[in-house]
Full PDB file with SEQRES, HELIX, SHEET, SSBOND, CRYST1, ORIGX, SCALE, CONECT and MASTER records, all heavy atoms in Angstrom:
SEQRES   1 A   43  SER ASP ASN GLU ASP ALA VAL VAL LEU SER ILE ALA ARG          
SEQRES   2 A   43  ASP ASN LYS PHE THR LEU ASP TRP GLY TRP LEU TYR TYR          
SEQRES   3 A   43  LYS GLU THR VAL GLU VAL PRO ILE GLY ILE ASN PHE LYS          
SEQRES   4 A   43  ILE ILE HIS GLN                                              
HELIX    1 AA1 GLY A   22  LEU A   24  5                                   3    
SHEET    1 AA1 2 ASP A   5  ASP A  20  0                                        
SHEET    2 AA1 2 LYS A  27  HIS A  42 -1                                        
CRYST1    1.000    1.000    1.000  90.00  90.00  90.00 P 1           1          
ORIGX1      1.000000  0.000000  0.000000        0.00000                         
ORIGX2      0.000000  1.000000  0.000000        0.00000                         
ORIGX3      0.000000  0.000000  1.000000        0.00000                         
SCALE1      1.000000  0.000000  0.000000        0.00000                         
SCALE2      0.000000  1.000000  0.000000        0.00000                         
SCALE3      0.000000  0.000000  1.000000        0.00000                         
ATOM      1  N   SER A   1      52.525  90.401 111.829  1.00  0.00           N  
ATOM      2  CA  SER A   1      51.443  89.739 111.015  1.00  0.00           C  
ATOM      3  C   SER A   1      51.834  90.014 109.521  1.00  0.00           C  
ATOM      4  O   SER A   1      52.498  91.016 109.179  1.00  0.00           O  
ATOM      5  CB  SER A   1      50.129  90.186 111.376  1.00  0.00           C  
ATOM      6  OG  SER A   1      50.007  91.656 111.186  1.00  0.00           O  
ATOM      7  N   ASP A   2      51.314  89.167 108.658  1.00  0.00           N  
ATOM      8  CA  ASP A   2      51.340  89.278 107.333  1.00  0.00           C  
ATOM      9  C   ASP A   2      49.903  89.434 106.774  1.00  0.00           C  
ATOM     10  O   ASP A   2      49.075  88.518 106.968  1.00  0.00           O  
ATOM     11  CB  ASP A   2      52.034  88.068 106.656  1.00  0.00           C  
ATOM     12  CG  ASP A   2      52.088  88.169 105.099  1.00  0.00           C  
ATOM     13  OD1 ASP A   2      51.984  89.222 104.504  1.00  0.00           O  
ATOM     14  OD2 ASP A   2      52.043  87.016 104.498  1.00  0.00           O  
ATOM     15  N   ASN A   3      49.652  90.587 106.119  1.00  0.00           N  
ATOM     16  CA  ASN A   3      48.389  90.846 105.633  1.00  0.00           C  
ATOM     17  C   ASN A   3      48.333  91.103 104.040  1.00  0.00           C  
ATOM     18  O   ASN A   3      49.128  91.944 103.664  1.00  0.00           O  
ATOM     19  CB  ASN A   3      47.679  92.052 106.285  1.00  0.00           C  
ATOM     20  CG  ASN A   3      47.425  91.800 107.769  1.00  0.00           C  
ATOM     21  OD1 ASN A   3      46.809  90.712 108.157  1.00  0.00           O  
ATOM     22  ND2 ASN A   3      47.848  92.699 108.623  1.00  0.00           N  
ATOM     23  N   GLU A   4      47.606  90.338 103.437  1.00  0.00           N  
ATOM     24  CA  GLU A   4      47.492  90.457 101.930  1.00  0.00           C  
ATOM     25  C   GLU A   4      46.102  90.749 101.552  1.00  0.00           C  
ATOM     26  O   GLU A   4      45.171  90.100 101.794  1.00  0.00           O  
ATOM     27  CB  GLU A   4      48.017  89.184 101.210  1.00  0.00           C  
ATOM     28  CG  GLU A   4      49.452  88.799 101.657  1.00  0.00           C  
ATOM     29  CD  GLU A   4      49.892  87.475 101.006  1.00  0.00           C  
ATOM     30  OE1 GLU A   4      49.508  87.211  99.866  1.00  0.00           O  
ATOM     31  OE2 GLU A   4      50.670  86.778 101.656  1.00  0.00           O  
ATOM     32  N   ASP A   5      45.947  91.987 100.829  1.00  0.00           N  
ATOM     33  CA  ASP A   5      44.624  92.456 100.418  1.00  0.00           C  
ATOM     34  C   ASP A   5      44.535  92.672  98.820  1.00  0.00           C  
ATOM     35  O   ASP A   5      45.509  92.965  98.212  1.00  0.00           O  
ATOM     36  CB  ASP A   5      44.282  93.725 101.183  1.00  0.00           C  
ATOM     37  CG  ASP A   5      44.231  93.566 102.697  1.00  0.00           C  
ATOM     38  OD1 ASP A   5      43.221  93.284 103.191  1.00  0.00           O  
ATOM     39  OD2 ASP A   5      45.263  93.887 103.367  1.00  0.00           O  
ATOM     40  N   ALA A   6      43.314  92.564  98.430  1.00  0.00           N  
ATOM     41  CA  ALA A   6      43.171  92.832  97.103  1.00  0.00           C  
ATOM     42  C   ALA A   6      41.591  93.265  96.911  1.00  0.00           C  
ATOM     43  O   ALA A   6      40.706  92.823  97.474  1.00  0.00           O  
ATOM     44  CB  ALA A   6      43.179  91.530  96.153  1.00  0.00           C  
ATOM     45  N   VAL A   7      41.488  94.456  96.186  1.00  0.00           N  
ATOM     46  CA  VAL A   7      40.121  94.971  95.837  1.00  0.00           C  
ATOM     47  C   VAL A   7      40.061  94.710  94.308  1.00  0.00           C  
ATOM     48  O   VAL A   7      40.889  95.148  93.474  1.00  0.00           O  
ATOM     49  CB  VAL A   7      40.137  96.411  96.081  1.00  0.00           C  
ATOM     50  CG1 VAL A   7      38.755  97.018  95.644  1.00  0.00           C  
ATOM     51  CG2 VAL A   7      40.273  96.653  97.614  1.00  0.00           C  
ATOM     52  N   VAL A   8      38.867  94.077  93.971  1.00  0.00           N  
ATOM     53  CA  VAL A   8      38.596  93.720  92.548  1.00  0.00           C  
ATOM     54  C   VAL A   8      37.292  94.396  92.042  1.00  0.00           C  
ATOM     55  O   VAL A   8      36.316  94.147  92.660  1.00  0.00           O  
ATOM     56  CB  VAL A   8      38.474  92.144  92.365  1.00  0.00           C  
ATOM     57  CG1 VAL A   8      38.362  91.734  90.950  1.00  0.00           C  
ATOM     58  CG2 VAL A   8      39.748  91.428  93.035  1.00  0.00           C  
ATOM     59  N   LEU A   9      37.587  95.092  90.932  1.00  0.00           N  
ATOM     60  CA  LEU A   9      36.449  95.665  90.300  1.00  0.00           C  
ATOM     61  C   LEU A   9      36.106  94.922  89.069  1.00  0.00           C  
ATOM     62  O   LEU A   9      36.930  94.828  88.141  1.00  0.00           O  
ATOM     63  CB  LEU A   9      36.689  97.133  89.944  1.00  0.00           C  
ATOM     64  CG  LEU A   9      35.673  97.876  89.067  1.00  0.00           C  
ATOM     65  CD1 LEU A   9      34.349  97.990  89.743  1.00  0.00           C  
ATOM     66  CD2 LEU A   9      36.100  99.251  88.640  1.00  0.00           C  
ATOM     67  N   SER A  10      34.976  94.390  89.033  1.00  0.00           N  
ATOM     68  CA  SER A  10      34.451  93.584  87.802  1.00  0.00           C  
ATOM     69  C   SER A  10      33.494  94.316  87.046  1.00  0.00           C  
ATOM     70  O   SER A  10      32.469  94.910  87.578  1.00  0.00           O  
ATOM     71  CB  SER A  10      33.897  92.292  88.330  1.00  0.00           C  
ATOM     72  OG  SER A  10      34.828  91.462  89.141  1.00  0.00           O  
ATOM     73  N   ILE A  11      33.667  94.389  85.661  1.00  0.00           N  
ATOM     74  CA  ILE A  11      32.751  94.976  84.826  1.00  0.00           C  
ATOM     75  C   ILE A  11      32.346  93.876  83.741  1.00  0.00           C  
ATOM     76  O   ILE A  11      33.175  93.256  83.081  1.00  0.00           O  
ATOM     77  CB  ILE A  11      33.227  96.184  84.093  1.00  0.00           C  
ATOM     78  CG1 ILE A  11      33.791  97.287  85.124  1.00  0.00           C  
ATOM     79  CG2 ILE A  11      32.301  96.827  83.117  1.00  0.00           C  
ATOM     80  CD1 ILE A  11      34.491  98.467  84.455  1.00  0.00           C  
ATOM     81  N   ALA A  12      31.081  93.612  83.604  1.00  0.00           N  
ATOM     82  CA  ALA A  12      30.587  92.495  82.777  1.00  0.00           C  
ATOM     83  C   ALA A  12      29.312  92.893  81.988  1.00  0.00           C  
ATOM     84  O   ALA A  12      28.527  93.831  82.404  1.00  0.00           O  
ATOM     85  CB  ALA A  12      30.277  91.266  83.634  1.00  0.00           C  
ATOM     86  N   ARG A  13      29.180  92.313  80.831  1.00  0.00           N  
ATOM     87  CA  ARG A  13      27.934  92.557  79.950  1.00  0.00           C  
ATOM     88  C   ARG A  13      27.477  91.244  79.395  1.00  0.00           C  
ATOM     89  O   ARG A  13      28.363  90.431  78.893  1.00  0.00           O  
ATOM     90  CB  ARG A  13      28.364  93.595  78.901  1.00  0.00           C  
ATOM     91  CG  ARG A  13      27.153  93.866  77.916  1.00  0.00           C  
ATOM     92  CD  ARG A  13      27.433  94.962  77.041  1.00  0.00           C  
ATOM     93  NE  ARG A  13      26.236  95.220  76.124  1.00  0.00           N  
ATOM     94  CZ  ARG A  13      26.247  96.152  75.230  1.00  0.00           C  
ATOM     95  NH1 ARG A  13      27.269  97.031  75.165  1.00  0.00           N  
ATOM     96  NH2 ARG A  13      25.210  96.308  74.391  1.00  0.00           N  
ATOM     97  N   ASP A  14      26.216  91.039  79.363  1.00  0.00           N  
ATOM     98  CA  ASP A  14      25.619  89.907  78.657  1.00  0.00           C  
ATOM     99  C   ASP A  14      25.123  90.296  77.378  1.00  0.00           C  
ATOM    100  O   ASP A  14      24.118  90.951  77.246  1.00  0.00           O  
ATOM    101  CB  ASP A  14      24.492  89.342  79.636  1.00  0.00           C  
ATOM    102  CG  ASP A  14      23.974  87.989  79.096  1.00  0.00           C  
ATOM    103  OD1 ASP A  14      24.614  87.431  78.262  1.00  0.00           O  
ATOM    104  OD2 ASP A  14      22.887  87.549  79.520  1.00  0.00           O  
ATOM    105  N   ASN A  15      25.747  89.900  76.299  1.00  0.00           N  
ATOM    106  CA  ASN A  15      25.462  90.113  74.914  1.00  0.00           C  
ATOM    107  C   ASN A  15      24.494  89.064  74.370  1.00  0.00           C  
ATOM    108  O   ASN A  15      24.789  87.800  74.404  1.00  0.00           O  
ATOM    109  CB  ASN A  15      26.726  90.112  74.074  1.00  0.00           C  
ATOM    110  CG  ASN A  15      27.674  91.217  74.493  1.00  0.00           C  
ATOM    111  OD1 ASN A  15      27.548  92.360  74.258  1.00  0.00           O  
ATOM    112  ND2 ASN A  15      28.781  90.754  75.174  1.00  0.00           N  
ATOM    113  N   LYS A  16      23.293  89.505  73.992  1.00  0.00           N  
ATOM    114  CA  LYS A  16      22.240  88.548  73.579  1.00  0.00           C  
ATOM    115  C   LYS A  16      21.962  88.861  72.093  1.00  0.00           C  
ATOM    116  O   LYS A  16      21.818  89.948  71.652  1.00  0.00           O  
ATOM    117  CB  LYS A  16      20.954  88.699  74.378  1.00  0.00           C  
ATOM    118  CG  LYS A  16      21.092  88.441  75.892  1.00  0.00           C  
ATOM    119  CD  LYS A  16      19.843  88.515  76.573  1.00  0.00           C  
ATOM    120  CE  LYS A  16      19.973  88.219  78.114  1.00  0.00           C  
ATOM    121  NZ  LYS A  16      18.727  88.395  78.888  1.00  0.00           N  
ATOM    122  N   PHE A  17      21.811  87.681  71.330  1.00  0.00           N  
ATOM    123  CA  PHE A  17      21.497  87.823  69.917  1.00  0.00           C  
ATOM    124  C   PHE A  17      20.571  86.652  69.559  1.00  0.00           C  
ATOM    125  O   PHE A  17      20.765  85.596  70.179  1.00  0.00           O  
ATOM    126  CB  PHE A  17      22.556  88.145  68.979  1.00  0.00           C  
ATOM    127  CG  PHE A  17      23.544  86.951  69.022  1.00  0.00           C  
ATOM    128  CD1 PHE A  17      23.444  85.953  68.140  1.00  0.00           C  
ATOM    129  CD2 PHE A  17      24.631  86.923  69.859  1.00  0.00           C  
ATOM    130  CE1 PHE A  17      24.265  84.851  68.125  1.00  0.00           C  
ATOM    131  CE2 PHE A  17      25.491  85.945  69.930  1.00  0.00           C  
ATOM    132  CZ  PHE A  17      25.437  84.847  69.030  1.00  0.00           C  
ATOM    133  N   THR A  18      19.773  86.815  68.514  1.00  0.00           N  
ATOM    134  CA  THR A  18      18.943  85.689  68.058  1.00  0.00           C  
ATOM    135  C   THR A  18      19.640  84.959  66.824  1.00  0.00           C  
ATOM    136  O   THR A  18      19.929  85.623  65.846  1.00  0.00           O  
ATOM    137  CB  THR A  18      17.577  86.257  67.636  1.00  0.00           C  
ATOM    138  OG1 THR A  18      16.952  86.894  68.751  1.00  0.00           O  
ATOM    139  CG2 THR A  18      16.667  85.113  67.233  1.00  0.00           C  
ATOM    140  N   LEU A  19      19.627  83.726  66.982  1.00  0.00           N  
ATOM    141  CA  LEU A  19      20.154  82.883  65.908  1.00  0.00           C  
ATOM    142  C   LEU A  19      19.055  82.209  65.198  1.00  0.00           C  
ATOM    143  O   LEU A  19      18.288  81.397  65.736  1.00  0.00           O  
ATOM    144  CB  LEU A  19      21.154  81.691  66.427  1.00  0.00           C  
ATOM    145  CG  LEU A  19      21.859  80.854  65.615  1.00  0.00           C  
ATOM    146  CD1 LEU A  19      22.847  81.654  64.721  1.00  0.00           C  
ATOM    147  CD2 LEU A  19      22.672  79.856  66.220  1.00  0.00           C  
ATOM    148  N   ASP A  20      18.953  82.539  63.903  1.00  0.00           N  
ATOM    149  CA  ASP A  20      17.790  82.131  63.033  1.00  0.00           C  
ATOM    150  C   ASP A  20      18.375  80.914  62.157  1.00  0.00           C  
ATOM    151  O   ASP A  20      19.255  80.999  61.356  1.00  0.00           O  
ATOM    152  CB  ASP A  20      17.377  83.227  62.101  1.00  0.00           C  
ATOM    153  CG  ASP A  20      16.025  82.799  61.442  1.00  0.00           C  
ATOM    154  OD1 ASP A  20      15.681  81.597  61.490  1.00  0.00           O  
ATOM    155  OD2 ASP A  20      15.387  83.763  60.867  1.00  0.00           O  
ATOM    156  N   TRP A  21      17.736  79.677  62.469  1.00  0.00           N  
ATOM    157  CA  TRP A  21      18.127  78.521  61.681  1.00  0.00           C  
ATOM    158  C   TRP A  21      17.526  78.442  60.419  1.00  0.00           C  
ATOM    159  O   TRP A  21      17.740  77.392  59.670  1.00  0.00           O  
ATOM    160  CB  TRP A  21      17.831  77.229  62.427  1.00  0.00           C  
ATOM    161  CG  TRP A  21      18.647  77.194  63.760  1.00  0.00           C  
ATOM    162  CD1 TRP A  21      18.215  77.640  64.983  1.00  0.00           C  
ATOM    163  CD2 TRP A  21      19.966  76.672  63.922  1.00  0.00           C  
ATOM    164  NE1 TRP A  21      19.223  77.425  66.028  1.00  0.00           N  
ATOM    165  CE2 TRP A  21      20.256  76.805  65.393  1.00  0.00           C  
ATOM    166  CE3 TRP A  21      20.904  76.132  63.027  1.00  0.00           C  
ATOM    167  CZ2 TRP A  21      21.547  76.409  65.793  1.00  0.00           C  
ATOM    168  CZ3 TRP A  21      22.134  75.823  63.543  1.00  0.00           C  
ATOM    169  CH2 TRP A  21      22.455  75.969  64.978  1.00  0.00           C  
ATOM    170  N   GLY A  22      16.742  79.401  59.948  1.00  0.00           N  
ATOM    171  CA  GLY A  22      16.235  79.408  58.485  1.00  0.00           C  
ATOM    172  C   GLY A  22      15.262  78.362  58.281  1.00  0.00           C  
ATOM    173  O   GLY A  22      14.053  78.373  58.725  1.00  0.00           O  
ATOM    174  N   TRP A  23      15.785  77.480  57.425  1.00  0.00           N  
ATOM    175  CA  TRP A  23      14.782  76.508  56.948  1.00  0.00           C  
ATOM    176  C   TRP A  23      14.237  75.512  57.951  1.00  0.00           C  
ATOM    177  O   TRP A  23      13.240  74.786  57.798  1.00  0.00           O  
ATOM    178  CB  TRP A  23      15.686  75.587  55.869  1.00  0.00           C  
ATOM    179  CG  TRP A  23      16.761  74.834  56.388  1.00  0.00           C  
ATOM    180  CD1 TRP A  23      18.036  75.214  56.446  1.00  0.00           C  
ATOM    181  CD2 TRP A  23      16.728  73.487  56.903  1.00  0.00           C  
ATOM    182  NE1 TRP A  23      18.797  74.339  57.035  1.00  0.00           N  
ATOM    183  CE2 TRP A  23      18.137  73.236  57.320  1.00  0.00           C  
ATOM    184  CE3 TRP A  23      15.878  72.530  57.009  1.00  0.00           C  
ATOM    185  CZ2 TRP A  23      18.484  71.953  57.833  1.00  0.00           C  
ATOM    186  CZ3 TRP A  23      16.202  71.253  57.579  1.00  0.00           C  
ATOM    187  CH2 TRP A  23      17.480  71.044  58.004  1.00  0.00           C  
ATOM    188  N   LEU A  24      14.893  75.576  59.177  1.00  0.00           N  
ATOM    189  CA  LEU A  24      14.260  74.810  60.264  1.00  0.00           C  
ATOM    190  C   LEU A  24      13.141  75.523  60.978  1.00  0.00           C  
ATOM    191  O   LEU A  24      12.470  74.945  61.839  1.00  0.00           O  
ATOM    192  CB  LEU A  24      15.378  74.441  61.294  1.00  0.00           C  
ATOM    193  CG  LEU A  24      16.414  73.445  60.926  1.00  0.00           C  
ATOM    194  CD1 LEU A  24      17.394  73.309  61.993  1.00  0.00           C  
ATOM    195  CD2 LEU A  24      15.854  72.027  60.563  1.00  0.00           C  
ATOM    196  N   TYR A  25      12.836  76.807  60.481  1.00  0.00           N  
ATOM    197  CA  TYR A  25      11.879  77.530  61.175  1.00  0.00           C  
ATOM    198  C   TYR A  25      11.997  77.626  62.620  1.00  0.00           C  
ATOM    199  O   TYR A  25      11.092  77.512  63.504  1.00  0.00           O  
ATOM    200  CB  TYR A  25      10.442  77.064  60.795  1.00  0.00           C  
ATOM    201  CG  TYR A  25      10.282  76.955  59.298  1.00  0.00           C  
ATOM    202  CD1 TYR A  25      10.253  75.744  58.636  1.00  0.00           C  
ATOM    203  CD2 TYR A  25       9.984  78.189  58.609  1.00  0.00           C  
ATOM    204  CE1 TYR A  25      10.070  75.792  57.322  1.00  0.00           C  
ATOM    205  CE2 TYR A  25       9.795  78.009  57.288  1.00  0.00           C  
ATOM    206  CZ  TYR A  25       9.831  76.897  56.557  1.00  0.00           C  
ATOM    207  OH  TYR A  25       9.709  76.895  55.296  1.00  0.00           O  
ATOM    208  N   TYR A  26      13.236  77.859  63.053  1.00  0.00           N  
ATOM    209  CA  TYR A  26      13.561  77.781  64.470  1.00  0.00           C  
ATOM    210  C   TYR A  26      14.512  78.906  64.834  1.00  0.00           C  
ATOM    211  O   TYR A  26      15.592  79.026  64.171  1.00  0.00           O  
ATOM    212  CB  TYR A  26      14.092  76.491  64.843  1.00  0.00           C  
ATOM    213  CG  TYR A  26      14.543  76.376  66.338  1.00  0.00           C  
ATOM    214  CD1 TYR A  26      13.594  76.330  67.333  1.00  0.00           C  
ATOM    215  CD2 TYR A  26      15.890  76.222  66.612  1.00  0.00           C  
ATOM    216  CE1 TYR A  26      14.053  76.217  68.646  1.00  0.00           C  
ATOM    217  CE2 TYR A  26      16.402  76.162  67.975  1.00  0.00           C  
ATOM    218  CZ  TYR A  26      15.328  76.227  69.046  1.00  0.00           C  
ATOM    219  OH  TYR A  26      15.819  76.065  70.283  1.00  0.00           O  
ATOM    220  N   LYS A  27      14.166  79.693  65.819  1.00  0.00           N  
ATOM    221  CA  LYS A  27      15.019  80.830  66.334  1.00  0.00           C  
ATOM    222  C   LYS A  27      15.459  80.502  67.717  1.00  0.00           C  
ATOM    223  O   LYS A  27      14.668  79.980  68.587  1.00  0.00           O  
ATOM    224  CB  LYS A  27      14.311  82.104  66.144  1.00  0.00           C  
ATOM    225  CG  LYS A  27      13.991  82.597  64.813  1.00  0.00           C  
ATOM    226  CD  LYS A  27      13.344  83.885  64.779  1.00  0.00           C  
ATOM    227  CE  LYS A  27      13.002  84.418  63.405  1.00  0.00           C  
ATOM    228  NZ  LYS A  27      12.440  85.698  63.324  1.00  0.00           N  
ATOM    229  N   GLU A  28      16.726  80.816  68.030  1.00  0.00           N  
ATOM    230  CA  GLU A  28      17.161  80.559  69.411  1.00  0.00           C  
ATOM    231  C   GLU A  28      17.966  81.857  69.816  1.00  0.00           C  
ATOM    232  O   GLU A  28      18.718  82.470  69.187  1.00  0.00           O  
ATOM    233  CB  GLU A  28      18.144  79.438  69.336  1.00  0.00           C  
ATOM    234  CG  GLU A  28      18.705  78.974  70.689  1.00  0.00           C  
ATOM    235  CD  GLU A  28      19.601  77.713  70.589  1.00  0.00           C  
ATOM    236  OE1 GLU A  28      19.877  77.237  69.527  1.00  0.00           O  
ATOM    237  OE2 GLU A  28      19.973  77.276  71.704  1.00  0.00           O  
ATOM    238  N   THR A  29      17.762  82.132  71.133  1.00  0.00           N  
ATOM    239  CA  THR A  29      18.426  83.267  71.701  1.00  0.00           C  
ATOM    240  C   THR A  29      19.689  82.828  72.353  1.00  0.00           C  
ATOM    241  O   THR A  29      19.791  81.871  73.184  1.00  0.00           O  
ATOM    242  CB  THR A  29      17.530  83.929  72.891  1.00  0.00           C  
ATOM    243  OG1 THR A  29      16.294  84.363  72.231  1.00  0.00           O  
ATOM    244  CG2 THR A  29      18.261  85.040  73.445  1.00  0.00           C  
ATOM    245  N   VAL A  30      20.823  83.488  72.000  1.00  0.00           N  
ATOM    246  CA  VAL A  30      22.111  83.138  72.384  1.00  0.00           C  
ATOM    247  C   VAL A  30      22.658  84.171  73.284  1.00  0.00           C  
ATOM    248  O   VAL A  30      22.583  85.293  72.934  1.00  0.00           O  
ATOM    249  CB  VAL A  30      23.066  82.763  71.240  1.00  0.00           C  
ATOM    250  CG1 VAL A  30      24.463  82.460  71.612  1.00  0.00           C  
ATOM    251  CG2 VAL A  30      22.499  81.736  70.286  1.00  0.00           C  
ATOM    252  N   GLU A  31      23.290  83.732  74.367  1.00  0.00           N  
ATOM    253  CA  GLU A  31      23.923  84.672  75.334  1.00  0.00           C  
ATOM    254  C   GLU A  31      25.425  84.545  75.279  1.00  0.00           C  
ATOM    255  O   GLU A  31      25.855  83.435  75.447  1.00  0.00           O  
ATOM    256  CB  GLU A  31      23.343  84.517  76.760  1.00  0.00           C  
ATOM    257  CG  GLU A  31      21.922  84.744  76.905  1.00  0.00           C  
ATOM    258  CD  GLU A  31      21.460  84.611  78.339  1.00  0.00           C  
ATOM    259  OE1 GLU A  31      22.243  85.131  79.239  1.00  0.00           O  
ATOM    260  OE2 GLU A  31      20.370  83.954  78.592  1.00  0.00           O  
ATOM    261  N   VAL A  32      26.138  85.659  75.127  1.00  0.00           N  
ATOM    262  CA  VAL A  32      27.602  85.575  75.073  1.00  0.00           C  
ATOM    263  C   VAL A  32      28.062  86.689  76.199  1.00  0.00           C  
ATOM    264  O   VAL A  32      28.327  87.865  75.746  1.00  0.00           O  
ATOM    265  CB  VAL A  32      28.253  85.804  73.791  1.00  0.00           C  
ATOM    266  CG1 VAL A  32      29.715  85.734  73.817  1.00  0.00           C  
ATOM    267  CG2 VAL A  32      27.636  84.895  72.755  1.00  0.00           C  
ATOM    268  N   PRO A  33      28.196  86.215  77.381  1.00  0.00           N  
ATOM    269  CA  PRO A  33      28.688  87.290  78.381  1.00  0.00           C  
ATOM    270  C   PRO A  33      30.220  87.433  78.325  1.00  0.00           C  
ATOM    271  O   PRO A  33      31.009  86.496  78.019  1.00  0.00           O  
ATOM    272  CB  PRO A  33      28.261  86.635  79.740  1.00  0.00           C  
ATOM    273  CG  PRO A  33      28.225  85.202  79.480  1.00  0.00           C  
ATOM    274  CD  PRO A  33      27.800  85.005  78.052  1.00  0.00           C  
ATOM    275  N   ILE A  34      30.594  88.668  78.509  1.00  0.00           N  
ATOM    276  CA  ILE A  34      32.054  88.946  78.687  1.00  0.00           C  
ATOM    277  C   ILE A  34      32.248  89.816  79.992  1.00  0.00           C  
ATOM    278  O   ILE A  34      31.342  90.510  80.411  1.00  0.00           O  
ATOM    279  CB  ILE A  34      32.590  89.814  77.381  1.00  0.00           C  
ATOM    280  CG1 ILE A  34      31.699  91.069  77.197  1.00  0.00           C  
ATOM    281  CG2 ILE A  34      32.426  88.955  76.203  1.00  0.00           C  
ATOM    282  CD1 ILE A  34      32.259  91.979  76.098  1.00  0.00           C  
ATOM    283  N   GLY A  35      33.506  89.741  80.412  1.00  0.00           N  
ATOM    284  CA  GLY A  35      33.752  90.369  81.722  1.00  0.00           C  
ATOM    285  C   GLY A  35      35.187  90.694  81.854  1.00  0.00           C  
ATOM    286  O   GLY A  35      36.109  90.059  81.197  1.00  0.00           O  
ATOM    287  N   ILE A  36      35.629  91.676  82.689  1.00  0.00           N  
ATOM    288  CA  ILE A  36      37.005  91.975  82.940  1.00  0.00           C  
ATOM    289  C   ILE A  36      37.204  92.362  84.428  1.00  0.00           C  
ATOM    290  O   ILE A  36      36.195  92.906  84.976  1.00  0.00           O  
ATOM    291  CB  ILE A  36      37.344  93.236  81.997  1.00  0.00           C  
ATOM    292  CG1 ILE A  36      38.947  93.460  82.250  1.00  0.00           C  
ATOM    293  CG2 ILE A  36      36.554  94.407  82.236  1.00  0.00           C  
ATOM    294  CD1 ILE A  36      39.432  94.488  81.136  1.00  0.00           C  
ATOM    295  N   ASN A  37      38.240  92.055  84.969  1.00  0.00           N  
ATOM    296  CA  ASN A  37      38.572  92.372  86.303  1.00  0.00           C  
ATOM    297  C   ASN A  37      39.740  93.396  86.465  1.00  0.00           C  
ATOM    298  O   ASN A  37      40.682  93.252  85.706  1.00  0.00           O  
ATOM    299  CB  ASN A  37      38.971  91.114  87.167  1.00  0.00           C  
ATOM    300  CG  ASN A  37      37.826  90.272  87.573  1.00  0.00           C  
ATOM    301  OD1 ASN A  37      36.698  90.697  87.637  1.00  0.00           O  
ATOM    302  ND2 ASN A  37      38.136  88.978  87.897  1.00  0.00           N  
ATOM    303  N   PHE A  38      39.595  94.416  87.296  1.00  0.00           N  
ATOM    304  CA  PHE A  38      40.684  95.266  87.624  1.00  0.00           C  
ATOM    305  C   PHE A  38      41.002  95.071  89.057  1.00  0.00           C  
ATOM    306  O   PHE A  38      40.209  95.159  89.950  1.00  0.00           O  
ATOM    307  CB  PHE A  38      40.222  96.688  87.322  1.00  0.00           C  
ATOM    308  CG  PHE A  38      39.961  96.981  85.905  1.00  0.00           C  
ATOM    309  CD1 PHE A  38      38.587  97.011  85.430  1.00  0.00           C  
ATOM    310  CD2 PHE A  38      40.944  97.317  84.971  1.00  0.00           C  
ATOM    311  CE1 PHE A  38      38.348  97.182  84.097  1.00  0.00           C  
ATOM    312  CE2 PHE A  38      40.634  97.627  83.706  1.00  0.00           C  
ATOM    313  CZ  PHE A  38      39.293  97.569  83.210  1.00  0.00           C  
ATOM    314  N   LYS A  39      42.276  94.809  89.310  1.00  0.00           N  
ATOM    315  CA  LYS A  39      42.707  94.427  90.692  1.00  0.00           C  
ATOM    316  C   LYS A  39      43.784  95.403  91.285  1.00  0.00           C  
ATOM    317  O   LYS A  39      44.704  95.791  90.556  1.00  0.00           O  
ATOM    318  CB  LYS A  39      43.337  93.096  90.686  1.00  0.00           C  
ATOM    319  CG  LYS A  39      42.436  92.074  90.223  1.00  0.00           C  
ATOM    320  CD  LYS A  39      43.052  90.610  90.134  1.00  0.00           C  
ATOM    321  CE  LYS A  39      42.139  89.556  89.609  1.00  0.00           C  
ATOM    322  NZ  LYS A  39      42.832  88.228  89.574  1.00  0.00           N  
ATOM    323  N   ILE A  40      43.530  95.767  92.504  1.00  0.00           N  
ATOM    324  CA  ILE A  40      44.622  96.506  93.197  1.00  0.00           C  
ATOM    325  C   ILE A  40      45.007  95.598  94.436  1.00  0.00           C  
ATOM    326  O   ILE A  40      44.209  95.204  95.196  1.00  0.00           O  
ATOM    327  CB  ILE A  40      43.920  97.865  93.797  1.00  0.00           C  
ATOM    328  CG1 ILE A  40      43.523  98.679  92.597  1.00  0.00           C  
ATOM    329  CG2 ILE A  40      45.053  98.607  94.500  1.00  0.00           C  
ATOM    330  CD1 ILE A  40      42.870 100.049  93.033  1.00  0.00           C  
ATOM    331  N   ILE A  41      46.276  95.331  94.544  1.00  0.00           N  
ATOM    332  CA  ILE A  41      46.762  94.364  95.389  1.00  0.00           C  
ATOM    333  C   ILE A  41      47.794  95.052  96.393  1.00  0.00           C  
ATOM    334  O   ILE A  41      48.586  95.854  95.941  1.00  0.00           O  
ATOM    335  CB  ILE A  41      47.516  93.211  94.723  1.00  0.00           C  
ATOM    336  CG1 ILE A  41      46.562  92.590  93.666  1.00  0.00           C  
ATOM    337  CG2 ILE A  41      47.943  92.079  95.670  1.00  0.00           C  
ATOM    338  CD1 ILE A  41      47.253  91.575  92.747  1.00  0.00           C  
ATOM    339  N   HIS A  42      47.705  94.824  97.667  1.00  0.00           N  
ATOM    340  CA  HIS A  42      48.489  95.276  98.689  1.00  0.00           C  
ATOM    341  C   HIS A  42      48.905  94.233  99.688  1.00  0.00           C  
ATOM    342  O   HIS A  42      48.151  93.435 100.075  1.00  0.00           O  
ATOM    343  CB  HIS A  42      47.758  96.440  99.342  1.00  0.00           C  
ATOM    344  CG  HIS A  42      48.511  97.004 100.601  1.00  0.00           C  
ATOM    345  ND1 HIS A  42      49.595  97.875 100.409  1.00  0.00           N  
ATOM    346  CD2 HIS A  42      48.487  96.761 101.858  1.00  0.00           C  
ATOM    347  CE1 HIS A  42      50.159  98.174 101.608  1.00  0.00           C  
ATOM    348  NE2 HIS A  42      49.482  97.578 102.577  1.00  0.00           N  
ATOM    349  N   GLN A  43      50.267  94.238 100.014  1.00  0.00           N  
ATOM    350  CA  GLN A  43      50.834  93.295 100.886  1.00  0.00           C  
ATOM    351  C   GLN A  43      51.698  94.015 101.958  1.00  0.00           C  
ATOM    352  O   GLN A  43      52.450  94.830 101.641  1.00  0.00           O  
ATOM    353  CB  GLN A  43      51.523  92.135 100.242  1.00  0.00           C  
ATOM    354  CG  GLN A  43      52.135  91.130 101.317  1.00  0.00           C  
ATOM    355  CD  GLN A  43      52.891  89.992 100.571  1.00  0.00           C  
ATOM    356  OE1 GLN A  43      53.147  90.014  99.388  1.00  0.00           O  
ATOM    357  NE2 GLN A  43      53.285  88.995 101.331  1.00  0.00           N  
TER     358      GLN A  43                                                      
MASTER        0    0    0    1    2    0    0    6  357    1    0    4          
END                                                                             
């Protein structure tokens, strides 16, 4: 048989900040998630 395995560790963070449009008197919450995968592969 041929067996191919991978274990993936994911680390992610959701970065949130408020965007103020100033003269429009409007504020908006913006989300910028980032993530990274670490992989161990065996065949």
